[in-house]
C-alpha cells in the first residue's frame, strides 16, 4: 500500500471519485465503487501510518466526511438504551467489542457478520489502557472503524465507545488533579474523534475499608458525576453521549444490589438540579476477570459466573434508575454455551476482547515466524512482568496483547489470503455470538428507536479548493 509523499498526491488519489464542498465541510461521492476499492484502503492506511501529520489529518477528515456522504454516522446509543430502560426494546444484549489490532480488517469482519445476520446494535470500543499498548489514539481508531464501515457498505448509526476511561488509584492518592485532568483531556479527544459513547471507570477508587456503602462508593460517584458534567458540556450540539458508570472493579469481589443503590443514589444526588442525564448503564462484577485466568499450560480457567446477581442488578438498574441495565465485562473467554444467558437475565451490554485476540494470534494461518518474533519481543520488553512461578505459556498469554502496537504495521501488511482466512474465522465466530446474544434479526426493530447524530467537521485548510484564478496565478 502506497504512502502519499505530499498533499498533492493525496488529492490526485480521489480525483473523479470525490469532490469537496466549497465550505470544506462535506464531500460529494462521484463513484462509490472506487471509494470501497481501492480509495478507502489507501486513505485508512495513510491515516494510520503516514509520517506527515498534515496527510494524516486530511485522510482522517476525508474518511469521516465520505462516510457521512454514504449514510454512515458515528452516533450515541443513548436513545436505544432509553428504549431498553422503558421496556420498549427487550430480549437482547449489546456486544461491545474491544478491537486491539488489525482494526480495519477486524471491524470489517464484524460488520460482514452483522450484515449477514441483520444484527444490531453492535459497539466498537477501545479502553484507555489499550490506547497505550496498541498504539491507537482515539482519532486513529475511529478512522479505522469508520473506514471499515465504508468498505463493507454499511449504513446507519455507528457506535464507537471509550471503554474504561479509568483513574489510577495509586496516582490519584498521591495527587488527584493530574488524574482528573488526564481523563478530561482524553474525553475531549475521544469526542472530537467521534466516540459518542463513553464509559467512565472510577471504580478503582472504591474503598471497602469505609464503614458504610455510601462512603465506600463516595469518591467513585462524585468523580463519575464530575466527569458526566464535563461530558455534557463538551458533547456536540444535539448529541447526548451515552455514559457508563462502574460500581465494582472487574476481577475483584462480586457486586451487590446495595452497592448499586449506594452508588446511583450518590451519583444522582451530585447531579440534582443540574438538568442533565446521568448514566445509561452500569458495569458490575459478577465473577469474571479481564482476559480470563491462564493456567500453567496456557489454557484459561473456567469461572463461575453469578447470573442471578447480574439479573437482579439489571432489574434494579432499569426499574429504579431508568438505565438500560447492567454491563458484563471480561466475557469473551467464557464457554460458548453461556452466552445465551446474558439476554435471558437482561444484561444490557457485554464487553468482549481477549477471546478474539486469541482467535487471531492462535489461528493456524497466523505466520509462525511473526509469532516467534512477537514472543522474542515480549521476553525482552516485558520481562519484568514474568512473575515467579509463572510458566512460559502463562507469560505469553498475559502479555501478548502488548504486541499489537509494536507489530501493527507488520500485521496490517500480512498477505491478503492469510488475512482472509483469519478474518473469515472471526466473522463466523461473531455470527454465532450475535445469535447467542439475540441481536441477530434485530436491526430494523432497534433502528426504530435509534438516532443518527450528524456532526460536520471542517476540512483541514490544506485541502482547500483553489479558485481557477488562483490556480492560473500559481501556474504562471
Protein backbone atom coordinates (compact mmCIF):
# COMPACT_ATOMS: atom_id res chain seq x y z
CA UNK A 1 0.00 0.00 0.00
CA UNK A 2 1.41 3.36 -1.06
CA UNK A 3 2.11 6.17 1.40
CA UNK A 4 1.48 9.62 -0.05
CA UNK A 5 4.60 11.78 -0.19
CA UNK A 6 2.72 15.10 -0.28
CA UNK A 7 -0.80 16.53 -0.10
CA UNK A 8 -0.94 16.83 -3.89
CA UNK A 9 -0.55 13.05 -4.18
CA UNK A 10 -3.50 12.60 -1.84
CA UNK A 11 -5.64 15.00 -3.87
CA UNK A 12 -4.84 13.13 -7.07
CA UNK A 13 -5.91 9.85 -5.46
CA UNK A 14 -9.54 10.95 -5.17
CA UNK A 15 -9.90 12.82 -8.47
CA UNK A 16 -13.06 11.59 -10.17
CA UNK A 17 -14.12 9.78 -7.00
CA UNK A 18 -14.84 12.57 -4.50
CA UNK A 19 -15.34 16.31 -4.64
CA UNK A 20 -15.23 18.71 -1.70
CA UNK A 21 -17.87 21.34 -1.00
CA UNK A 22 -16.81 24.97 -1.26
CA UNK A 23 -17.18 25.44 2.50
CA UNK A 24 -14.97 22.38 3.12
CA UNK A 25 -17.47 20.65 5.41
CA UNK A 26 -18.79 17.91 3.12
CA UNK A 27 -17.85 15.69 0.20
CA UNK A 28 -19.86 14.50 -2.76
CA UNK A 29 -19.33 10.92 -3.84
CA UNK A 30 -18.91 10.54 -7.59
CA UNK A 31 -18.09 6.83 -7.69
CA UNK A 32 -18.97 4.69 -4.63
CA UNK A 33 -17.36 1.57 -6.10
CA UNK A 34 -13.98 3.25 -6.46
CA UNK A 35 -14.25 4.50 -2.89
CA UNK A 36 -14.68 0.98 -1.50
CA UNK A 37 -11.86 -0.35 -3.67
CA UNK A 38 -9.20 0.98 -3.80
CA UNK A 39 -9.55 4.50 -2.35
CA UNK A 40 -10.70 3.69 1.19
CA UNK A 41 -7.85 1.18 1.61
CA UNK A 42 -5.37 3.90 0.72
CA UNK A 43 -6.98 6.58 2.90
CA UNK A 44 -7.12 4.44 6.05
CA UNK A 45 -3.58 3.14 5.52
CA UNK A 46 -2.21 6.68 5.25
CA UNK A 47 -4.37 7.83 8.17
CA UNK A 48 -2.63 5.15 10.24
CA UNK A 49 0.95 5.03 9.01
CA UNK A 50 1.89 8.20 7.14
CA UNK A 51 4.57 10.23 8.94
CA UNK A 52 3.25 13.53 7.54
CA UNK A 53 0.81 14.91 10.11
CA UNK A 54 -1.00 17.03 7.50
CA UNK A 55 -1.65 14.00 5.32
CA UNK A 56 -2.86 12.01 8.33
CA UNK A 57 -5.28 14.77 9.32
CA UNK A 58 -6.53 15.13 5.76
CA UNK A 59 -7.09 11.39 5.33
CA UNK A 60 -8.97 11.17 8.63
CA UNK A 61 -11.24 14.03 7.64
CA UNK A 62 -11.86 12.53 4.19
CA UNK A 63 -12.80 9.16 5.71
CA UNK A 64 -15.32 10.72 8.09
CA UNK A 65 -16.79 13.12 5.52
CA UNK A 66 -17.08 10.34 2.95
CA UNK A 67 -18.82 8.15 5.49
CA UNK A 68 -21.44 10.83 6.08
CA UNK A 69 -21.97 11.21 2.34
CA UNK A 70 -22.62 7.45 2.22
CA UNK A 71 -25.02 7.45 5.19
CA UNK A 72 -22.62 6.35 7.95
CA UNK A 73 -22.68 8.39 11.17
CA UNK A 74 -20.78 7.92 14.47
CA UNK A 75 -23.67 8.11 16.93
CA UNK A 76 -24.76 7.69 20.54
CA UNK A 77 -26.62 4.56 21.61
CA UNK A 78 -28.43 6.65 24.26
CA UNK A 79 -31.94 6.54 22.66
CA UNK A 80 -31.68 2.76 22.23
CA UNK A 81 -30.75 2.34 25.88
CA UNK A 82 -33.57 4.64 26.92
CA UNK A 83 -35.96 2.39 24.98
CA UNK A 84 -34.49 -0.64 26.78
CA UNK A 85 -34.98 1.11 30.13
CA UNK A 86 -38.63 1.78 29.24
CA UNK A 87 -39.23 -1.83 28.23
CA UNK A 88 -39.81 -0.88 24.59
CA UNK A 89 -36.80 -2.93 23.47
CA UNK A 90 -36.10 -6.25 25.15
CA UNK A 91 -34.58 -9.67 24.65
CA UNK A 92 -31.03 -8.89 23.55
CA UNK A 93 -27.63 -7.93 24.97
CA UNK A 94 -25.48 -5.45 23.06
CA UNK A 95 -21.99 -6.75 22.22
CA UNK A 96 -19.28 -4.15 22.85
CA UNK A 97 -16.12 -5.31 21.11
CA UNK A 98 -12.61 -4.16 22.02
CA UNK A 99 -10.52 -4.15 18.85
CA UNK A 100 -6.85 -4.23 19.80
CA UNK A 101 -5.25 -4.98 16.45
CA UNK A 102 -5.93 -5.38 12.72
CA UNK A 103 -8.63 -2.79 13.43
CA UNK A 104 -9.67 -2.15 9.81
CA UNK A 105 -9.85 -5.85 8.89
CA UNK A 106 -11.34 -6.84 12.26
CA UNK A 107 -14.20 -4.33 12.14
CA UNK A 108 -14.91 -5.22 8.51
CA UNK A 109 -15.31 -8.88 9.53
CA UNK A 110 -17.70 -7.93 12.35
CA UNK A 111 -19.78 -5.79 10.01
CA UNK A 112 -19.97 -8.60 7.45
CA UNK A 113 -21.29 -10.86 10.20
CA UNK A 114 -23.76 -8.18 11.30
CA UNK A 115 -24.95 -7.68 7.74
CA UNK A 116 -25.43 -11.41 7.20
CA UNK A 117 -27.35 -11.76 10.46
CA UNK A 118 -29.12 -8.35 10.24
CA UNK A 119 -27.65 -7.90 13.73
CA UNK A 120 -27.91 -4.62 15.62
CA UNK A 121 -26.75 -2.94 17.81
CA UNK A 122 -23.00 -3.52 17.92
CA UNK A 123 -20.46 -1.29 19.68
CA UNK A 124 -16.77 -0.94 18.79
CA UNK A 125 -14.72 0.20 21.74
CA UNK A 126 -11.21 0.92 22.92
CA UNK A 127 -10.13 1.18 26.55
CA UNK A 128 -7.81 3.86 27.87
CA UNK A 129 -5.18 1.22 28.68
CA UNK A 130 -5.50 -0.32 25.21
CA UNK A 131 -4.76 3.02 23.58
CA UNK A 132 -1.29 2.76 25.07
CA UNK A 133 -0.19 -0.77 24.29
CA UNK A 134 -1.95 -0.98 20.91
CA UNK A 135 -0.63 2.47 19.95
CA UNK A 136 -4.04 3.66 18.79
CA UNK A 137 -5.22 7.19 19.51
CA UNK A 138 -8.97 7.83 19.54
CA UNK A 139 -8.66 9.56 16.15
CA UNK A 140 -6.76 6.67 14.57
CA UNK A 141 -9.13 4.07 15.99
CA UNK A 142 -12.32 5.88 14.97
CA UNK A 143 -10.97 6.41 11.46
CA UNK A 144 -10.27 2.69 11.02
CA UNK A 145 -13.73 1.76 12.32
CA UNK A 146 -15.46 4.25 10.03
CA UNK A 147 -13.32 3.20 7.07
CA UNK A 148 -14.31 -0.44 7.59
CA UNK A 149 -17.96 0.62 7.55
CA UNK A 150 -17.38 2.33 4.19
CA UNK A 151 -15.59 -0.77 2.88
CA UNK A 152 -18.48 -3.05 3.83
CA UNK A 153 -21.22 -0.72 2.50
CA UNK A 154 -22.65 -0.28 6.00
CA UNK A 155 -25.25 2.43 6.59
CA UNK A 156 -26.80 3.98 9.68
CA UNK A 157 -25.58 4.84 13.19
CA UNK A 158 -22.12 3.51 14.03
CA UNK A 159 -21.39 3.13 17.73
CA UNK A 160 -17.82 3.89 18.84
CA UNK A 161 -17.13 3.77 22.56
CA UNK A 162 -14.43 4.75 25.02
CA UNK A 163 -14.07 1.85 27.44
CA UNK A 164 -12.65 2.05 30.98
CA UNK A 165 -11.68 5.73 31.00
CA UNK A 166 -10.05 4.83 34.25
CA UNK A 167 -8.43 6.60 37.19
CA UNK A 168 -5.26 5.11 38.65
CA UNK A 169 -5.89 4.68 42.38
CA UNK A 170 -2.19 4.88 43.25
CA UNK A 171 -1.61 8.07 41.26
CA UNK A 172 -4.87 9.63 42.45
CA UNK A 173 -3.89 9.10 46.09
CA UNK A 174 -0.60 10.93 45.53
CA UNK A 175 -2.07 13.82 43.52
CA UNK A 176 -5.66 13.78 42.29
CA UNK A 177 -5.58 16.81 39.98
CA UNK A 178 -3.39 15.40 37.18
CA UNK A 179 -5.52 12.23 37.07
CA UNK A 180 -8.74 14.21 36.73
CA UNK A 181 -7.26 16.45 34.04
CA UNK A 182 -5.92 13.44 32.14
CA UNK A 183 -9.41 11.93 31.91
CA UNK A 184 -10.91 15.27 30.84
CA UNK A 185 -8.30 15.58 28.09
CA UNK A 186 -8.98 12.03 26.92
CA UNK A 187 -12.73 12.67 26.91
CA UNK A 188 -12.22 15.74 24.71
CA UNK A 189 -10.00 13.82 22.28
CA UNK A 190 -12.45 10.94 22.11
CA UNK A 191 -15.49 13.14 21.48
CA UNK A 192 -13.63 15.04 18.76
CA UNK A 193 -12.85 11.69 17.09
CA UNK A 194 -16.48 10.51 17.14
CA UNK A 195 -16.65 8.50 20.37
CA UNK A 196 -20.22 9.33 21.37
CA UNK A 197 -20.35 6.57 23.98
CA UNK A 198 -18.00 6.79 26.98
CA UNK A 199 -17.61 4.51 29.99
CA UNK A 200 -16.19 6.34 32.99
CA UNK A 201 -14.43 3.95 35.38
CA UNK A 202 -13.59 5.37 38.79
CA UNK A 203 -14.43 2.07 40.49
CA UNK A 204 -10.70 1.75 41.21
CA UNK A 205 -11.29 4.32 43.97
CA UNK A 206 -13.94 2.34 45.85
CA UNK A 207 -12.66 1.99 49.43
CA UNK A 208 -14.02 -1.15 51.08
CA UNK A 209 -12.39 -0.17 54.39
CA UNK A 210 -15.02 2.53 54.95
CA UNK A 211 -17.83 1.71 57.37
CA UNK A 212 -20.82 2.40 55.08
CA UNK A 213 -21.54 1.57 51.45
CA UNK A 214 -22.10 5.24 50.64
CA UNK A 215 -18.66 6.17 51.97
CA UNK A 216 -17.10 3.21 50.17
CA UNK A 217 -18.57 4.46 46.88
CA UNK A 218 -18.31 8.21 47.56
CA UNK A 219 -15.20 9.06 45.53
CA UNK A 220 -16.47 6.78 42.77
CA UNK A 221 -19.83 8.51 42.35
CA UNK A 222 -18.54 12.03 42.99
CA UNK A 223 -15.95 11.72 40.22
CA UNK A 224 -18.47 9.96 37.99
CA UNK A 225 -20.77 12.95 38.35
CA UNK A 226 -17.90 15.38 37.77
CA UNK A 227 -16.94 13.66 34.50
CA UNK A 228 -20.59 13.44 33.47
CA UNK A 229 -20.86 17.21 33.78
CA UNK A 230 -17.70 17.61 31.72
CA UNK A 231 -19.00 15.28 29.00
CA UNK A 232 -22.35 17.10 28.86
CA UNK A 233 -20.55 20.44 28.44
CA UNK A 234 -18.22 19.02 25.77
CA UNK A 235 -20.57 16.85 23.67
CA UNK A 236 -21.59 18.25 20.26
CA UNK A 237 -24.85 20.13 19.90
CA UNK A 238 -27.88 17.81 19.68
CA UNK A 239 -25.80 14.76 20.72
CA UNK A 240 -26.46 13.09 24.07
CA UNK A 241 -23.45 10.89 24.73
CA UNK A 242 -24.22 7.54 26.36
CA UNK A 243 -22.29 7.43 29.65
CA UNK A 244 -21.48 4.28 31.58
CA UNK A 245 -20.63 4.05 35.27
CA UNK A 246 -19.00 1.23 37.22
CA UNK A 247 -19.51 0.07 40.80
CA UNK A 248 -17.01 -2.76 41.14
CA UNK A 249 -13.58 -3.22 39.62
CA UNK A 250 -13.58 -6.23 37.29
CA UNK A 251 -11.68 -9.17 38.73
CA UNK A 252 -12.43 -8.27 42.33
CA UNK A 253 -15.35 -9.06 44.65
CA UNK A 254 -18.81 -9.53 43.19
CA UNK A 255 -21.14 -6.52 43.20
CA UNK A 256 -24.33 -6.31 45.25
CA UNK A 257 -27.64 -4.54 44.83
CA UNK A 258 -26.87 -2.50 47.93
CA UNK A 259 -23.65 -1.22 46.36
CA UNK A 260 -25.53 -0.30 43.19
CA UNK A 261 -28.09 1.66 45.20
CA UNK A 262 -25.41 3.49 47.21
CA UNK A 263 -23.54 4.39 44.01
CA UNK A 264 -26.55 5.53 41.99
CA UNK A 265 -28.22 7.44 44.83
CA UNK A 266 -24.95 9.28 45.40
CA UNK A 267 -24.44 9.85 41.66
CA UNK A 268 -27.93 11.33 41.18
CA UNK A 269 -27.51 13.37 44.34
CA UNK A 270 -24.45 15.04 42.84
CA UNK A 271 -26.35 15.83 39.62
CA UNK A 272 -29.52 17.02 41.35
CA UNK A 273 -30.78 20.32 39.97
CA UNK A 274 -28.27 20.36 37.10
CA UNK A 275 -30.75 19.25 34.41
CA UNK A 276 -28.53 16.67 32.75
CA UNK A 277 -28.79 12.97 32.06
CA UNK A 278 -26.76 10.54 34.12
CA UNK A 279 -25.50 7.06 33.18
CA UNK A 280 -27.39 4.91 30.69
CA UNK A 281 -25.88 1.70 32.14
CA UNK A 282 -23.67 0.48 34.95
CA UNK A 283 -20.81 -2.03 34.87
CA UNK A 284 -20.74 -4.64 37.63
CA UNK A 285 -18.58 -7.52 38.79
CA UNK A 286 -20.13 -10.98 38.75
CA UNK A 287 -17.17 -13.35 38.70
CA UNK A 288 -15.10 -12.69 35.56
CA UNK A 289 -11.69 -11.13 35.05
CA UNK A 290 -10.27 -9.29 32.08
CA UNK A 291 -8.59 -11.75 29.74
CA UNK A 292 -9.51 -14.76 31.85
CA UNK A 293 -7.17 -16.60 34.20
CA UNK A 294 -4.43 -18.54 32.37
CA UNK A 295 -3.42 -21.94 33.70
CA UNK A 296 0.10 -23.35 33.61
CA UNK A 297 -0.41 -24.82 30.12
CA UNK A 298 -1.73 -21.53 28.74
CA UNK A 299 -5.39 -22.57 28.70
CA UNK A 300 -7.99 -20.47 30.50
CA UNK A 301 -9.53 -21.45 33.81
CA UNK A 302 -13.29 -21.87 33.97
CA UNK A 303 -15.10 -19.27 36.03
CA UNK A 304 -18.37 -19.41 37.90
CA UNK A 305 -20.45 -16.50 36.73
CA UNK A 306 -23.21 -15.30 39.04
CA UNK A 307 -26.09 -14.85 36.61
CA UNK A 308 -28.61 -14.39 39.41
CA UNK A 309 -26.72 -11.33 40.65
CA UNK A 310 -26.44 -10.00 37.09
CA UNK A 311 -30.21 -10.43 36.65
CA UNK A 312 -31.03 -8.62 39.90
CA UNK A 313 -28.59 -5.77 39.26
CA UNK A 314 -30.01 -5.26 35.77
CA UNK A 315 -33.54 -5.21 37.15
CA UNK A 316 -32.74 -2.57 39.77
CA UNK A 317 -30.78 -0.50 37.23
CA UNK A 318 -33.78 -0.40 34.92
CA UNK A 319 -36.68 -0.13 37.31
CA UNK A 320 -35.22 2.17 39.96
CA UNK A 321 -32.79 4.31 37.96
CA UNK A 322 -34.11 4.28 34.38
CA UNK A 323 -30.95 2.72 32.93
CA UNK A 324 -30.74 0.02 30.26
CA UNK A 325 -29.35 -2.49 32.75
CA UNK A 326 -26.07 -3.91 34.00
CA UNK A 327 -22.95 -4.42 31.90
CA UNK A 328 -20.82 -7.58 31.94
CA UNK A 329 -17.07 -7.23 31.40
CA UNK A 330 -14.38 -9.84 30.75
CA UNK A 331 -16.70 -12.30 28.99
CA UNK A 332 -15.06 -13.22 25.70
CA UNK A 333 -13.17 -16.20 27.16
CA UNK A 334 -16.31 -17.76 28.66
CA UNK A 335 -17.54 -21.09 27.24
CA UNK A 336 -19.77 -20.74 24.17
CA UNK A 337 -22.68 -22.40 25.93
CA UNK A 338 -23.04 -19.50 28.39
CA UNK A 339 -23.59 -16.58 26.04
CA UNK A 340 -27.32 -17.15 25.52
CA UNK A 341 -27.81 -16.50 29.24
CA UNK A 342 -26.96 -12.80 29.05
CA UNK A 343 -30.16 -11.82 27.18
CA UNK A 344 -32.10 -14.14 29.48
CA UNK A 345 -31.01 -12.17 32.57
CA UNK A 346 -31.48 -8.89 30.67
CA UNK A 347 -27.89 -7.70 30.82
CA UNK A 348 -27.83 -4.64 28.60
CA UNK A 349 -24.26 -4.89 27.33
CA UNK A 350 -21.37 -7.37 27.30
CA UNK A 351 -17.72 -6.46 26.72
CA UNK A 352 -15.64 -8.82 24.59
CA UNK A 353 -11.91 -8.65 23.83
CA UNK A 354 -9.35 -11.32 24.70
CA UNK A 355 -11.15 -14.26 23.11
CA UNK A 356 -10.89 -12.63 19.69
CA UNK A 357 -7.28 -11.70 20.28
CA UNK A 358 -6.64 -15.38 21.00
CA UNK A 359 -8.52 -16.47 17.88
CA UNK A 360 -6.30 -14.26 15.72
CA UNK A 361 -2.92 -14.99 17.29
CA UNK A 362 -3.58 -18.74 17.59
CA UNK A 363 -5.11 -19.11 14.14
CA UNK A 364 -3.33 -21.77 12.04
CA UNK A 365 -2.83 -19.18 9.28
CA UNK A 366 -1.13 -16.67 11.58
CA UNK A 367 2.55 -16.80 10.49
CA UNK A 368 4.67 -18.75 12.98
CA UNK A 369 7.72 -16.63 12.12
CA UNK A 370 5.85 -13.49 13.16
CA UNK A 371 4.60 -15.13 16.34
CA UNK A 372 8.15 -16.13 17.25
CA UNK A 373 9.29 -12.55 16.63
CA UNK A 374 6.47 -11.30 18.86
CA UNK A 375 7.38 -13.69 21.66
CA UNK A 376 11.05 -12.70 21.47
CA UNK A 377 9.97 -9.07 21.76
CA UNK A 378 7.84 -9.88 24.82
CA UNK A 379 10.67 -11.75 26.52
CA UNK A 380 12.86 -8.67 26.16
CA UNK A 381 10.43 -5.79 26.67
CA UNK A 382 8.03 -7.32 29.22
CA UNK A 383 10.42 -9.49 31.24
CA UNK A 384 9.64 -7.57 34.43
CA UNK A 385 6.05 -8.87 34.11
CA UNK A 386 7.19 -12.52 34.24
CA UNK A 387 6.09 -13.45 37.76
CA UNK A 388 7.83 -16.05 39.89
CA UNK A 389 6.31 -19.48 39.27
CA UNK A 390 4.63 -18.38 36.05
CA UNK A 391 5.13 -20.73 33.10
CA UNK A 392 6.24 -19.50 29.70
CA UNK A 393 2.74 -20.14 28.31
CA UNK A 394 1.15 -18.07 31.09
CA UNK A 395 3.61 -15.23 30.49
CA UNK A 396 2.87 -15.11 26.76
CA UNK A 397 -0.86 -15.30 27.35
CA UNK A 398 -0.85 -12.35 29.75
CA UNK A 399 1.50 -10.11 27.75
CA UNK A 400 0.91 -10.79 24.07
CA UNK A 401 -1.81 -8.15 23.85
CA UNK A 402 1.12 -5.72 24.03
CA UNK A 403 2.36 -6.88 20.63
CA UNK A 404 -0.42 -5.15 18.70
CA UNK A 405 1.23 -1.73 18.89
CA UNK A 406 4.86 -2.56 18.06
CA UNK A 407 3.83 -5.03 15.32
CA UNK A 408 0.88 -3.04 13.96
CA UNK A 409 2.32 -2.41 10.51
CA UNK A 410 3.65 -5.95 10.10
CA UNK A 411 0.21 -7.30 10.94
CA UNK A 412 -1.52 -4.84 8.62
CA UNK A 413 0.86 -5.81 5.78
CA UNK A 414 0.30 -9.57 6.06
CA UNK A 415 -0.57 -11.45 2.87
CA UNK A 416 -4.19 -10.80 1.87
CA UNK A 417 -5.02 -14.51 1.62
CA UNK A 418 -3.72 -15.15 5.14
CA UNK A 419 -5.82 -12.32 6.50
CA UNK A 420 -8.85 -13.54 4.59
CA UNK A 421 -8.59 -16.95 6.25
CA UNK A 422 -8.15 -15.46 9.72
CA UNK A 423 -10.98 -12.98 9.43
CA UNK A 424 -13.37 -15.45 7.84
CA UNK A 425 -12.99 -17.47 11.04
CA UNK A 426 -13.54 -14.33 13.09
CA UNK A 427 -16.66 -13.49 11.10
CA UNK A 428 -18.07 -16.95 11.76
CA UNK A 429 -17.42 -16.51 15.48
CA UNK A 430 -19.36 -13.28 15.50
CA UNK A 431 -22.24 -14.80 13.58
CA UNK A 432 -22.51 -17.35 16.39
CA UNK A 433 -22.27 -14.72 19.13
CA UNK A 434 -24.85 -12.47 17.51
CA UNK A 435 -27.27 -15.40 17.57
CA UNK A 436 -26.48 -16.18 21.20
CA UNK A 437 -26.84 -12.56 22.31
CA UNK A 438 -30.08 -12.28 20.32
CA UNK A 439 -29.06 -9.22 18.31
CA UNK A 440 -29.47 -11.24 15.09
CA UNK A 441 -32.53 -10.10 13.20
CA UNK A 442 -32.95 -7.05 15.46
CA UNK A 443 -31.63 -4.37 13.11
CA UNK A 444 -34.88 -2.83 11.91
CA UNK A 445 -36.60 -3.09 15.29
CA UNK A 446 -33.74 -1.32 17.08
CA UNK A 447 -33.31 1.27 14.31
CA UNK A 448 -36.86 2.39 15.01
CA UNK A 449 -35.54 3.80 18.31
CA UNK A 450 -32.01 4.77 17.24
CA UNK A 451 -30.93 8.28 16.30
CA UNK A 452 -28.39 9.38 13.73
CA UNK A 453 -26.01 12.04 15.03
CA UNK A 454 -24.83 14.32 12.24
CA UNK A 455 -21.73 16.27 13.24
CA UNK A 456 -19.91 18.08 10.43
CA UNK A 457 -16.21 18.78 10.79
CA UNK A 458 -14.43 21.34 8.65
CA UNK A 459 -11.63 20.02 6.47
CA UNK A 460 -8.02 20.93 7.26
CA UNK A 461 -7.08 24.16 5.44
CA UNK A 462 -4.50 22.42 3.26
CA UNK A 463 -7.35 20.61 1.45
CA UNK A 464 -8.78 23.98 0.39
CA UNK A 465 -10.08 24.11 -3.15
CA UNK A 466 -8.25 26.63 -5.29
CA UNK A 467 -10.21 29.05 -7.39
CA UNK A 468 -9.47 28.96 -11.14
CA UNK A 469 -7.76 32.37 -10.88
CA UNK A 470 -5.53 31.17 -8.03
CA UNK A 471 -4.57 28.07 -9.98
CA UNK A 472 -3.64 30.21 -13.03
CA UNK A 473 -1.62 32.58 -10.84
CA UNK A 474 0.40 29.69 -9.41
CA UNK A 475 0.92 28.17 -12.84
CA UNK A 476 2.28 31.44 -14.15
